[in-house]
Amino acid sequence: MTPDFNSGLGKNQANYAALTPLDYIARAADVYGDRLAIAHGPLRQNWRDTYERTRRLASGLRQLGVGKDDVVAAMLPNTPAMVEASFGVPMAGAVLNALNIRLDLPTLIFMLRHGQAKVLLADTEFAELARQMTEQLPELRVIQVNDLLGPQVGPFAELDYETLLAGGDPAYAWQAPADEWDAIALNYTSGTTGDPKGVVYHHRGAALNALSNILEWDMPKHAVYLWTLPMFHCNGWCFPWSIAARAGVNVCLRKFEPKLVFDLIRELRVTHYCAAPIVHAALANAPASWRDGIDWTVRGMVAGAPPPAAMLARIEAMGFDLIHSYGLTEVYGPASICAEQEDWASLPQDQRAVLKSRQGVRYHLQSAVAVLDPDTMQPVAADGQQIGEIMFRGNICMKGYLKNEKATREAFAGGWFHTGDLGVQYPDGYIKLKDRSKDIIISGGENISSVEVEDALYHHPQVLAAAVIAQPDEKWGETPCAFVELREDASVTAEELIAFCKQHLAGFKVPKAIYFGPLPRTSTGKIQKFELRKRMHSSKAIDV
């Protein structure tokens, strides 16, 4: 008879606690309270003070009536307030919605309304946006954040951030979630059709992905992390929580400027940073003199489009070590990594670059990543040739889409998260992205829905049909371009259409080129985008 391992052996307070990344800052303050936590301009703030401020924030929010599962939105650059909100908001039992500061007002209004945001933390850089938001959402409570390096403007809210914290309890007894499945964050991702979808993160996934970040990089204690990656992107890929777990340093950066980045790396001895390919390329192409005095290895992580071999070579020549990751908002940012093998080091640089540009293998604490046939849910041949859909499963997957059960069911069909990205798997188990079945364009690390851009074009009275695809771009990796069929006797120019799009889209979504002419269609009238892609990559000239 086998022993009973369950009777009398249940969970209790002594042997079980819900996983949450909030515990990481408590430990950092307890063990390394005097060590530097945040560097921002002249500001130097240790972990004890940072923890106290997050507790004050949580207490202040509770005094405003914020409770469990209320949404607190943040319209903030990479500032100390954004780091603090990553902890203080969920400490109040609330859900953090870090808004993409590059988006247009209608999209932001949709997100705030859909998520039912109760409070908005708004940097002075977005004072006018905040005013316009409250005009449409009068019940939204705005907290003005006067960052020491931000624009100095007059009051645009009844309450400012520092006043809120001053009234909060520095010893606020925040509670870990009763269930680690409770929501910690809400992040919106652009779909290919319809409105943005609200991706819900849970405490368990956030805690585990934060630890996976550390494991993938072998991130040492007291690592110095430069915030070149926007913290509104998947909660900064969970790195605010990773840095707390290592009692490291958050080097804040309101705006990316290559020379400033090198200056900060030198001054604070930065060891790690993350960014889209465009940021790495800008650093690689900067004058060599800007790197003077940086004589240690700086480790970078790149995600998005595969980094070009030439860029990898320049980064290596700088003495930087670059690793390639892959993921989506739905999997907390990066959830697979191109883990390097020792024998790669002996290969020629071009061969090594090809291997390093792959999307790789699963994160340590993610259960699986695979390339499957979406119809049969069976693995494709691991030959680097047969294409299937890249899918994830495990703890580092979202709860689902807020208020969208249909999309959630479809995303998790067959027990896997369907990325919608097409790829192949190699004999060594590594995966590589081949195409995006949802026609998402990744430009400078930003996801652009081709359908959203097409919709803007269709609003022009002289446009009969439009199709948007990605075109290669040396600076941004890829940018949207549009193929347009005009109505009879129409005379609109490409410049006029681009100007029209600027009235309806965020700047980075506007087509960088427009090509006129009949669009290829199937017998049922569907536009054949694959033919347009062939045309784009053809050596033949395209009529404009």
Protein backbone atom coordinates (compact mmCIF):
# COMPACT_ATOMS: atom_id res chain seq x y z
CA MET A 1 0.00 0.00 0.00
CA THR A 2 1.42 3.37 -1.01
CA PRO A 3 1.68 6.12 1.59
CA ASP A 4 -0.89 8.92 1.72
CA PHE A 5 0.91 12.15 0.93
CA ASN A 6 -2.16 14.37 1.27
CA SER A 7 -4.10 13.69 4.46
CA GLY A 8 -3.02 16.09 7.17
CA LEU A 9 -0.43 17.58 4.82
CA GLY A 10 -2.34 20.56 3.45
CA LYS A 11 -1.24 24.13 2.82
CA ASN A 12 -0.97 26.47 5.80
CA GLN A 13 0.66 29.79 6.63
CA ALA A 14 3.86 28.06 7.66
CA ASN A 15 4.44 26.13 4.44
CA TYR A 16 2.78 28.11 1.66
CA ALA A 17 2.76 31.71 0.43
CA ALA A 18 1.41 33.03 -2.84
CA LEU A 19 4.12 33.96 -5.31
CA THR A 20 4.37 37.70 -5.88
CA PRO A 21 7.20 39.94 -7.12
CA LEU A 22 6.22 42.46 -4.44
CA ASP A 23 8.16 40.40 -1.93
CA TYR A 24 11.37 41.11 -3.85
CA ILE A 25 11.45 44.77 -2.85
CA ALA A 26 10.69 43.93 0.78
CA ARG A 27 13.73 41.65 0.88
CA ALA A 28 15.92 44.18 -0.94
CA ALA A 29 15.02 46.80 1.68
CA ASP A 30 15.52 44.41 4.60
CA VAL A 31 18.85 43.01 3.46
CA TYR A 32 20.37 45.76 1.32
CA GLY A 33 18.48 48.85 2.49
CA ASP A 34 21.47 51.19 2.23
CA ARG A 35 22.39 50.15 -1.30
CA LEU A 36 21.51 52.30 -4.29
CA ALA A 37 18.15 51.44 -5.89
CA ILE A 38 17.42 54.36 -8.24
CA ALA A 39 19.69 56.80 -10.04
CA HIS A 40 18.01 59.63 -11.95
CA GLY A 41 19.85 62.83 -12.77
CA PRO A 42 21.22 64.02 -9.40
CA LEU A 43 18.84 61.70 -7.48
CA ARG A 44 20.35 58.75 -5.61
CA GLN A 45 17.71 56.73 -3.73
CA ASN A 46 18.44 53.58 -1.72
CA TRP A 47 16.28 50.47 -1.38
CA ARG A 48 15.03 51.33 2.13
CA ASP A 49 13.69 54.69 0.97
CA THR A 50 12.31 53.21 -2.25
CA TYR A 51 10.41 50.56 -0.31
CA GLU A 52 9.06 53.21 2.04
CA ARG A 53 7.90 55.32 -0.89
CA THR A 54 6.11 52.37 -2.51
CA ARG A 55 4.29 51.73 0.76
CA ARG A 56 3.36 55.40 0.98
CA LEU A 57 2.02 55.18 -2.58
CA ALA A 58 -0.05 52.11 -1.75
CA SER A 59 -1.41 53.77 1.39
CA GLY A 60 -2.17 57.01 -0.46
CA LEU A 61 -4.06 55.17 -3.17
CA ARG A 62 -6.09 53.32 -0.56
CA GLN A 63 -7.01 56.67 1.00
CA LEU A 64 -8.31 57.76 -2.41
CA GLY A 65 -10.64 54.77 -2.43
CA VAL A 66 -8.52 52.49 -4.62
CA GLY A 67 -9.08 48.85 -3.69
CA LYS A 68 -8.70 45.31 -4.94
CA ASP A 69 -8.74 45.01 -8.74
CA ASP A 70 -9.20 48.74 -9.30
CA VAL A 71 -7.08 49.89 -12.24
CA VAL A 72 -4.45 52.57 -11.77
CA ALA A 73 -3.07 53.77 -15.10
CA ALA A 74 0.33 55.37 -15.57
CA MET A 75 1.33 57.81 -18.30
CA LEU A 76 5.00 58.00 -17.38
CA PRO A 77 8.42 57.85 -19.05
CA ASN A 78 11.16 55.77 -17.43
CA THR A 79 11.25 57.70 -14.17
CA PRO A 80 11.49 56.82 -10.46
CA ALA A 81 7.70 57.15 -10.21
CA MET A 82 7.30 54.41 -12.81
CA VAL A 83 9.60 52.10 -10.84
CA GLU A 84 7.68 52.86 -7.65
CA ALA A 85 4.29 52.34 -9.30
CA SER A 86 5.37 48.83 -10.32
CA PHE A 87 5.27 47.96 -6.62
CA GLY A 88 3.04 50.54 -4.94
CA VAL A 89 0.01 50.04 -7.17
CA PRO A 90 -0.27 46.25 -6.65
CA MET A 91 0.59 46.71 -2.95
CA ALA A 92 -2.74 48.55 -2.74
CA GLY A 93 -4.41 45.47 -4.25
CA ALA A 94 -4.87 47.37 -7.51
CA VAL A 95 -3.86 46.55 -11.08
CA LEU A 96 -1.23 48.63 -12.88
CA ASN A 97 -1.98 49.72 -16.44
CA ALA A 98 1.20 51.26 -17.87
CA LEU A 99 0.11 53.16 -20.97
CA ASN A 100 2.19 53.44 -24.12
CA ILE A 101 3.18 57.11 -24.09
CA ARG A 102 3.55 57.12 -27.89
CA LEU A 103 -0.09 56.37 -28.65
CA ASP A 104 -2.73 58.79 -29.87
CA LEU A 105 -5.52 60.15 -27.67
CA PRO A 106 -8.43 58.04 -29.05
CA THR A 107 -6.49 54.81 -28.45
CA LEU A 108 -5.53 55.87 -24.93
CA ILE A 109 -9.12 56.86 -24.16
CA PHE A 110 -10.29 53.43 -25.30
CA MET A 111 -7.78 51.73 -22.99
CA LEU A 112 -8.72 53.85 -19.99
CA ARG A 113 -12.42 53.32 -20.59
CA HIS A 114 -12.14 49.60 -21.34
CA GLY A 115 -9.96 48.99 -18.28
CA GLN A 116 -12.18 51.24 -16.16
CA ALA A 117 -9.17 53.10 -14.81
CA LYS A 118 -9.90 54.87 -11.54
CA VAL A 119 -6.66 56.83 -11.20
CA LEU A 120 -4.08 58.11 -13.71
CA LEU A 121 -0.49 58.94 -12.77
CA ALA A 122 0.55 61.51 -15.40
CA ASP A 123 3.97 63.05 -15.97
CA THR A 124 4.08 66.79 -16.72
CA GLU A 125 5.19 65.92 -20.27
CA PHE A 126 1.63 64.73 -20.86
CA ALA A 127 -0.23 67.58 -19.15
CA GLU A 128 -2.29 68.44 -22.20
CA LEU A 129 -3.12 64.79 -22.88
CA ALA A 130 -4.24 64.40 -19.27
CA ARG A 131 -6.52 67.41 -19.59
CA GLN A 132 -8.09 65.98 -22.73
CA MET A 133 -8.52 62.60 -21.03
CA THR A 134 -10.43 64.08 -18.11
CA GLU A 135 -12.67 65.98 -20.51
CA GLN A 136 -13.84 62.65 -21.92
CA LEU A 137 -13.51 60.70 -18.66
CA PRO A 138 -14.59 63.11 -15.91
CA GLU A 139 -14.52 60.42 -13.22
CA LEU A 140 -10.82 59.70 -13.83
CA ARG A 141 -8.68 60.97 -10.91
CA VAL A 142 -5.40 62.41 -12.22
CA ILE A 143 -2.26 62.55 -10.07
CA GLN A 144 0.33 65.00 -11.42
CA VAL A 145 3.89 63.65 -11.40
CA ASN A 146 6.50 66.42 -11.32
CA ASP A 147 9.64 64.54 -12.28
CA LEU A 148 12.83 66.45 -11.49
CA LEU A 149 14.00 66.12 -15.12
CA GLY A 150 10.57 66.64 -16.67
CA PRO A 151 8.97 69.81 -18.05
CA GLN A 152 8.01 72.34 -15.40
CA VAL A 153 4.35 73.19 -15.90
CA GLY A 154 1.54 74.58 -13.78
CA PRO A 155 -0.98 72.38 -11.97
CA PHE A 156 -3.19 70.25 -14.21
CA ALA A 157 -4.56 68.04 -11.45
CA GLU A 158 -5.90 68.59 -7.94
CA LEU A 159 -3.25 66.34 -6.39
CA ASP A 160 0.42 65.77 -7.16
CA TYR A 161 2.45 62.62 -6.62
CA GLU A 162 4.71 63.85 -3.82
CA THR A 163 1.74 65.21 -1.87
CA LEU A 164 0.02 61.85 -2.25
CA LEU A 165 3.10 60.07 -0.88
CA ALA A 166 3.53 62.56 1.95
CA GLY A 167 0.05 61.66 3.19
CA GLY A 168 0.70 57.92 2.92
CA ASP A 169 1.87 55.57 5.66
CA PRO A 170 5.58 54.64 5.29
CA ALA A 171 4.88 51.47 7.30
CA TYR A 172 1.73 50.54 5.39
CA ALA A 173 1.10 46.83 6.00
CA TRP A 174 0.44 45.71 2.47
CA GLN A 175 -0.80 42.18 1.97
CA ALA A 176 0.39 39.59 -0.52
CA PRO A 177 -2.42 38.42 -2.79
CA ALA A 178 -4.68 35.80 -1.30
CA ASP A 179 -4.29 33.97 -4.61
CA GLU A 180 -1.18 34.24 -6.79
CA TRP A 181 -3.57 34.09 -9.76
CA ASP A 182 -4.83 37.57 -8.82
CA ALA A 183 -4.19 40.24 -11.43
CA ILE A 184 -1.10 42.45 -11.02
CA ALA A 185 -1.04 44.32 -14.34
CA LEU A 186 -3.09 45.14 -17.43
CA ASN A 187 -1.26 45.72 -20.72
CA TYR A 188 -2.89 46.52 -24.03
CA THR A 189 -1.67 44.98 -27.25
CA SER A 190 -2.67 45.92 -30.75
CA GLY A 191 -4.58 43.22 -32.58
CA THR A 192 -4.91 42.95 -36.32
CA THR A 193 -8.62 43.72 -36.23
CA GLY A 194 -10.81 45.71 -33.91
CA ASP A 195 -9.76 47.46 -30.73
CA PRO A 196 -6.65 46.75 -28.63
CA LYS A 197 -6.93 43.74 -26.32
CA GLY A 198 -6.28 44.00 -22.60
CA VAL A 199 -3.74 41.39 -21.52
CA VAL A 200 -4.05 40.47 -17.84
CA TYR A 201 -0.95 39.41 -15.89
CA HIS A 202 -1.05 37.50 -12.60
CA HIS A 203 1.31 37.74 -9.62
CA ARG A 204 2.62 34.21 -10.23
CA GLY A 205 3.63 34.85 -13.83
CA ALA A 206 5.21 38.20 -13.00
CA ALA A 207 7.23 36.66 -10.17
CA LEU A 208 8.43 33.74 -12.29
CA ASN A 209 9.30 35.78 -15.37
CA ALA A 210 11.23 38.24 -13.21
CA LEU A 211 13.29 35.33 -11.89
CA SER A 212 13.67 33.85 -15.38
CA ASN A 213 15.19 37.15 -16.55
CA ILE A 214 17.84 36.73 -13.87
CA LEU A 215 18.51 33.10 -14.79
CA GLU A 216 18.79 33.75 -18.55
CA TRP A 217 21.43 36.40 -17.96
CA ASP A 218 23.06 34.91 -14.86
CA MET A 219 22.36 38.40 -13.54
CA PRO A 220 24.59 39.05 -10.53
CA LYS A 221 23.64 40.62 -7.23
CA HIS A 222 23.60 44.44 -7.42
CA ALA A 223 23.52 44.52 -11.22
CA VAL A 224 23.26 48.05 -12.63
CA TYR A 225 20.41 48.18 -15.15
CA LEU A 226 19.88 51.05 -17.60
CA TRP A 227 16.26 51.69 -18.60
CA THR A 228 16.64 52.00 -22.37
CA LEU A 229 13.54 49.76 -22.65
CA PRO A 230 10.22 51.57 -22.00
CA MET A 231 8.63 50.40 -18.77
CA PHE A 232 5.26 50.55 -20.52
CA HIS A 233 6.33 47.61 -22.72
CA CYS A 234 5.07 44.51 -20.85
CA ASN A 235 5.94 46.19 -17.54
CA GLY A 236 9.48 46.61 -18.80
CA TRP A 237 9.63 42.86 -19.59
CA CYS A 238 9.21 42.36 -15.81
CA PHE A 239 12.64 43.87 -15.13
CA PRO A 240 11.48 46.31 -12.39
CA TRP A 241 10.80 43.18 -10.35
CA SER A 242 14.00 41.44 -11.53
CA ILE A 243 16.17 44.36 -10.39
CA ALA A 244 14.51 44.38 -6.97
CA ALA A 245 15.14 40.64 -6.62
CA ARG A 246 18.86 41.29 -7.22
CA ALA A 247 18.89 44.51 -5.14
CA GLY A 248 20.34 46.13 -8.23
CA VAL A 249 20.26 49.69 -9.52
CA ASN A 250 17.56 51.20 -11.73
CA VAL A 251 19.23 53.84 -13.90
CA CYS A 252 16.27 55.83 -15.20
CA LEU A 253 16.20 57.38 -18.66
CA ARG A 254 13.38 59.65 -19.78
CA LYS A 255 14.41 59.63 -23.43
CA PHE A 256 16.91 57.58 -25.39
CA GLU A 257 19.94 59.55 -26.57
CA PRO A 258 23.04 57.54 -27.56
CA LYS A 259 25.59 59.91 -26.02
CA LEU A 260 23.64 60.13 -22.77
CA VAL A 261 23.46 56.33 -22.66
CA PHE A 262 27.23 56.01 -22.95
CA ASP A 263 27.71 58.74 -20.35
CA LEU A 264 25.43 56.93 -17.91
CA ILE A 265 27.08 53.58 -18.60
CA ARG A 266 30.46 55.14 -17.80
CA GLU A 267 29.33 57.15 -14.76
CA LEU A 268 27.30 54.42 -13.04
CA ARG A 269 29.12 51.38 -14.42
CA VAL A 270 26.00 49.99 -16.06
CA THR A 271 26.11 46.21 -16.53
CA HIS A 272 22.81 45.41 -18.30
CA TYR A 273 20.23 46.97 -20.61
CA CYS A 274 17.41 45.83 -22.92
CA ALA A 275 16.15 47.41 -26.12
CA ALA A 276 14.69 46.99 -29.59
CA PRO A 277 17.13 46.53 -32.50
CA ILE A 278 16.96 50.23 -33.44
CA VAL A 279 18.42 51.24 -30.06
CA HIS A 280 21.28 48.73 -30.31
CA ALA A 281 21.98 49.91 -33.85
CA ALA A 282 22.10 53.55 -32.74
CA LEU A 283 24.65 52.64 -30.07
CA ALA A 284 26.69 50.56 -32.51
CA ASN A 285 26.80 53.42 -35.03
CA ALA A 286 27.71 56.12 -32.51
CA PRO A 287 31.18 57.71 -32.56
CA ALA A 288 33.75 55.45 -30.94
CA SER A 289 34.97 58.30 -28.74
CA TRP A 290 31.66 58.27 -26.87
CA ARG A 291 32.61 54.83 -25.50
CA ASP A 292 35.95 55.94 -24.07
CA GLY A 293 36.49 54.63 -20.55
CA ILE A 294 33.98 51.77 -20.80
CA ASP A 295 36.41 48.89 -20.34
CA TRP A 296 34.06 46.23 -18.93
CA THR A 297 31.51 43.94 -20.59
CA VAL A 298 28.05 45.47 -20.87
CA ARG A 299 25.32 42.90 -21.49
CA GLY A 300 22.41 43.77 -23.75
CA MET A 301 19.21 41.94 -24.64
CA VAL A 302 17.50 42.51 -27.97
CA ALA A 303 13.97 41.50 -28.93
CA GLY A 304 11.79 42.06 -31.94
CA ALA A 305 13.06 41.53 -35.46
CA PRO A 306 16.23 39.36 -35.64
CA PRO A 307 19.28 41.60 -35.29
CA PRO A 308 21.26 42.02 -38.53
CA ALA A 309 24.62 40.28 -38.59
CA ALA A 310 26.43 43.55 -39.26
CA MET A 311 24.90 45.12 -36.18
CA LEU A 312 25.83 42.11 -34.04
CA ALA A 313 29.42 42.39 -35.28
CA ARG A 314 29.59 46.09 -34.36
CA ILE A 315 28.11 45.43 -30.91
CA GLU A 316 30.68 42.68 -30.30
CA ALA A 317 33.47 44.99 -31.44
CA MET A 318 32.35 47.48 -28.77
CA GLY A 319 32.93 44.84 -26.12
CA PHE A 320 29.21 44.47 -25.49
CA ASP A 321 27.61 41.04 -25.19
CA LEU A 322 24.22 40.79 -26.90
CA ILE A 323 21.61 38.06 -26.44
CA HIS A 324 18.44 37.68 -28.50
CA SER A 325 15.04 36.99 -26.92
CA TYR A 326 11.52 36.56 -28.26
CA GLY A 327 8.06 36.92 -26.84
CA LEU A 328 4.84 38.88 -26.88
CA THR A 329 2.78 40.95 -24.47
CA GLU A 330 0.74 37.82 -23.73
CA VAL A 331 3.81 36.04 -22.33
CA TYR A 332 5.09 38.92 -20.19
CA GLY A 333 7.57 40.08 -22.83
CA PRO A 334 10.46 37.69 -23.51
CA ALA A 335 9.63 34.02 -22.89
CA SER A 336 12.23 32.39 -25.12
CA ILE A 337 15.94 33.10 -25.41
CA CYS A 338 18.69 32.30 -27.88
CA ALA A 339 20.81 30.56 -25.25
CA GLU A 340 24.37 30.52 -26.56
CA GLN A 341 26.39 27.33 -26.74
CA GLU A 342 30.10 27.29 -25.93
CA ASP A 343 31.12 25.97 -29.34
CA TRP A 344 29.55 28.98 -31.08
CA ALA A 345 32.46 31.12 -29.92
CA SER A 346 34.85 29.30 -32.27
CA LEU A 347 32.69 29.95 -35.36
CA PRO A 348 33.26 32.79 -37.84
CA GLN A 349 31.36 35.93 -36.92
CA ASP A 350 28.84 35.64 -39.77
CA GLN A 351 27.92 32.06 -38.81
CA ARG A 352 27.69 33.02 -35.16
CA ALA A 353 25.39 35.92 -36.06
CA VAL A 354 23.02 33.58 -37.91
CA LEU A 355 22.78 31.32 -34.85
CA LYS A 356 22.37 34.27 -32.46
CA SER A 357 19.54 35.77 -34.53
CA ARG A 358 17.24 32.83 -33.80
CA GLN A 359 14.44 33.13 -31.27
CA GLY A 360 15.85 30.19 -29.36
CA VAL A 361 14.53 27.99 -26.58
CA ARG A 362 12.11 28.39 -23.68
CA TYR A 363 12.80 30.61 -20.70
CA HIS A 364 13.87 28.72 -17.57
CA LEU A 365 10.49 28.99 -15.86
CA GLN A 366 8.33 28.70 -18.97
CA SER A 367 7.12 25.14 -19.54
CA ALA A 368 7.46 24.95 -23.31
CA VAL A 369 7.80 26.74 -26.63
CA ALA A 370 7.11 24.77 -29.80
CA VAL A 371 6.37 25.09 -33.48
CA LEU A 372 3.10 23.27 -34.16
CA ASP A 373 0.72 22.71 -37.03
CA PRO A 374 -2.24 24.85 -35.87
CA ASP A 375 -4.75 22.44 -37.47
CA THR A 376 -3.44 19.18 -36.01
CA MET A 377 -1.56 20.66 -33.01
CA GLN A 378 1.32 18.31 -33.84
CA PRO A 379 4.97 19.42 -33.94
CA VAL A 380 6.42 20.28 -37.34
CA ALA A 381 9.57 18.54 -38.51
CA ALA A 382 12.64 19.90 -36.72
CA ASP A 383 14.42 20.52 -40.02
CA GLY A 384 14.53 24.32 -40.18
CA GLN A 385 12.23 24.16 -43.21
CA GLN A 386 8.69 23.13 -42.32
CA ILE A 387 6.71 26.15 -41.16
CA GLY A 388 4.21 26.06 -38.30
CA GLU A 389 2.89 28.39 -35.64
CA ILE A 390 5.02 29.28 -32.64
CA MET A 391 3.20 28.45 -29.39
CA PHE A 392 3.90 28.72 -25.66
CA ARG A 393 2.55 27.04 -22.57
CA GLY A 394 3.35 27.32 -18.90
CA ASN A 395 3.40 29.70 -15.98
CA ILE A 396 4.61 32.67 -18.02
CA CYS A 397 1.37 33.11 -19.95
CA MET A 398 -1.33 35.70 -19.36
CA LYS A 399 -4.59 35.03 -17.53
CA GLY A 400 -6.33 36.03 -20.75
CA TYR A 401 -7.87 39.05 -22.46
CA LEU A 402 -9.98 41.35 -20.29
CA LYS A 403 -13.70 41.22 -21.19
CA ASN A 404 -12.99 39.08 -24.26
CA GLU A 405 -13.77 35.43 -23.60
CA LYS A 406 -13.88 34.54 -27.28
CA ALA A 407 -10.40 35.86 -27.98
CA THR A 408 -9.10 34.16 -24.83
CA ARG A 409 -10.53 30.78 -25.87
CA GLU A 410 -9.05 31.13 -29.33
CA ALA A 411 -5.65 32.14 -27.95
CA PHE A 412 -5.50 29.07 -25.69
CA ALA A 413 -7.08 26.55 -28.07
CA GLY A 414 -5.62 23.06 -27.70
CA GLY A 415 -3.86 23.86 -24.45
CA TRP A 416 -1.26 26.18 -25.98
CA PHE A 417 -0.98 29.95 -26.37
CA HIS A 418 -1.14 30.68 -30.09
CA THR A 419 1.22 33.54 -30.96
CA GLY A 420 0.01 33.88 -34.54
CA ASP A 421 3.68 34.02 -35.56
CA LEU A 422 4.99 31.52 -38.06
CA GLY A 423 8.34 29.85 -37.61
CA VAL A 424 10.50 26.78 -37.98
CA GLN A 425 12.37 24.53 -35.56
CA TYR A 426 15.93 23.36 -36.11
CA PRO A 427 17.42 19.97 -35.24
CA ASP A 428 19.02 21.47 -32.12
CA GLY A 429 15.56 22.48 -30.87
CA TYR A 430 15.98 26.20 -31.47
CA ILE A 431 13.11 28.06 -33.14
CA LYS A 432 13.24 30.89 -35.66
CA LEU A 433 10.54 33.36 -36.62
CA LYS A 434 9.69 33.32 -40.33
CA ASP A 435 6.59 35.44 -40.79
CA ARG A 436 3.75 37.07 -38.89
CA SER A 437 0.47 35.53 -39.76
CA LYS A 438 -1.39 38.43 -38.17
CA ASP A 439 0.42 40.92 -40.39
CA ILE A 440 1.86 42.74 -37.43
CA ILE A 441 4.69 45.07 -38.39
CA ILE A 442 7.45 45.52 -35.80
CA SER A 443 9.04 48.93 -36.25
CA GLY A 444 11.66 50.02 -33.77
CA GLY A 445 10.24 47.61 -31.20
CA GLU A 446 6.67 48.90 -31.63
CA ASN A 447 3.91 46.62 -32.91
CA ILE A 448 1.85 48.12 -35.71
CA SER A 449 -1.38 46.57 -36.93
CA SER A 450 -1.55 46.67 -40.72
CA VAL A 451 -5.35 46.58 -40.49
CA GLU A 452 -5.37 49.70 -38.32
CA VAL A 453 -3.29 51.58 -40.88
CA GLU A 454 -5.47 50.28 -43.71
CA ASP A 455 -8.55 51.46 -41.85
CA ALA A 456 -7.12 54.99 -41.68
CA LEU A 457 -6.44 54.94 -45.42
CA TYR A 458 -9.92 53.68 -46.17
CA HIS A 459 -11.31 56.75 -44.43
CA HIS A 460 -9.93 58.92 -47.22
CA PRO A 461 -12.74 59.57 -49.73
CA GLN A 462 -10.55 58.90 -52.77
CA VAL A 463 -9.16 55.54 -51.64
CA LEU A 464 -10.87 52.51 -53.18
CA ALA A 465 -8.67 49.78 -51.66
CA ALA A 466 -5.55 49.60 -49.53
CA ALA A 467 -3.12 46.98 -48.27
CA VAL A 468 -0.34 47.64 -45.78
CA ILE A 469 2.78 45.50 -45.39
CA ALA A 470 6.24 45.89 -43.91
CA GLN A 471 9.12 47.22 -45.93
CA PRO A 472 12.75 46.85 -44.83
CA ASP A 473 14.27 49.89 -43.16
CA GLU A 474 17.92 50.24 -42.15
CA LYS A 475 17.09 52.35 -39.09
CA TRP A 476 13.81 50.89 -37.80
CA GLY A 477 14.14 47.28 -38.97
CA GLU A 478 10.90 47.60 -40.88
CA THR A 479 8.27 50.28 -41.43
CA PRO A 480 4.73 50.23 -42.84
CA CYS A 481 4.19 50.95 -46.50
CA ALA A 482 0.86 51.07 -48.30
CA PHE A 483 -0.33 49.85 -51.70
CA VAL A 484 -3.33 51.93 -52.69
CA GLU A 485 -5.94 51.64 -55.40
CA LEU A 486 -7.68 54.97 -56.00
CA ARG A 487 -11.22 55.66 -57.07
CA GLU A 488 -11.81 56.59 -60.69
CA ASP A 489 -10.65 60.12 -61.55
CA ALA A 490 -8.99 60.52 -58.15
CA SER A 491 -5.91 62.71 -58.04
CA VAL A 492 -4.63 62.48 -54.47
CA THR A 493 -0.85 62.32 -54.02
CA ALA A 494 1.25 60.11 -51.75
CA GLU A 495 2.20 63.15 -49.68
CA GLU A 496 -1.47 64.08 -49.20
CA LEU A 497 -2.35 60.54 -48.09
CA ILE A 498 0.53 60.45 -45.63
CA ALA A 499 -0.59 63.81 -44.20
CA PHE A 500 -4.14 62.41 -43.91
CA CYS A 501 -2.87 59.38 -42.01
CA LYS A 502 -1.01 61.61 -39.57
CA GLN A 503 -4.38 63.02 -38.51
CA HIS A 504 -5.65 59.56 -37.56
CA LEU A 505 -2.62 57.56 -36.41
CA ALA A 506 0.29 57.79 -34.01
CA GLY A 507 3.37 58.96 -35.90
CA PHE A 508 5.20 55.64 -35.90
CA LYS A 509 2.18 53.95 -37.53
CA VAL A 510 2.00 56.27 -40.53
CA PRO A 511 3.11 54.66 -43.85
CA LYS A 512 6.57 55.78 -44.87
CA ALA A 513 5.81 55.10 -48.53
CA ILE A 514 2.68 54.75 -50.68
CA TYR A 515 2.54 52.92 -54.00
CA PHE A 516 -0.39 53.38 -56.38
CA GLY A 517 -1.84 50.83 -58.75
CA PRO A 518 -4.22 47.85 -59.04
CA LEU A 519 -3.98 45.40 -56.14
CA PRO A 520 -3.60 41.65 -56.78
CA ARG A 521 -6.71 39.71 -55.72
CA THR A 522 -7.94 36.17 -55.45
CA SER A 523 -11.00 34.95 -57.38
CA THR A 524 -13.11 35.88 -54.37
CA GLY A 525 -11.72 39.42 -54.26
CA LYS A 526 -9.33 39.03 -51.33
CA ILE A 527 -6.16 41.10 -51.63
CA GLN A 528 -3.08 38.91 -51.97
CA LYS A 529 -0.55 40.40 -49.59
CA PHE A 530 1.99 37.73 -50.35
CA GLU A 531 2.14 39.04 -53.93
CA LEU A 532 2.76 42.53 -52.61
CA ARG A 533 5.58 41.21 -50.45
CA LYS A 534 7.12 39.57 -53.52
CA ARG A 535 6.80 42.86 -55.34
CA MET A 536 8.41 44.72 -52.44
CA HIS A 537 11.41 42.38 -52.34
CA SER A 538 11.70 42.16 -56.13
CA SER A 539 14.55 43.88 -57.89
CA LYS A 540 12.01 45.43 -60.23
CA ALA A 541 11.11 49.07 -59.69
CA ILE A 542 7.72 49.86 -58.24
CA ASP A 543 5.65 52.63 -59.75
CA VAL A 544 4.78 55.35 -57.27
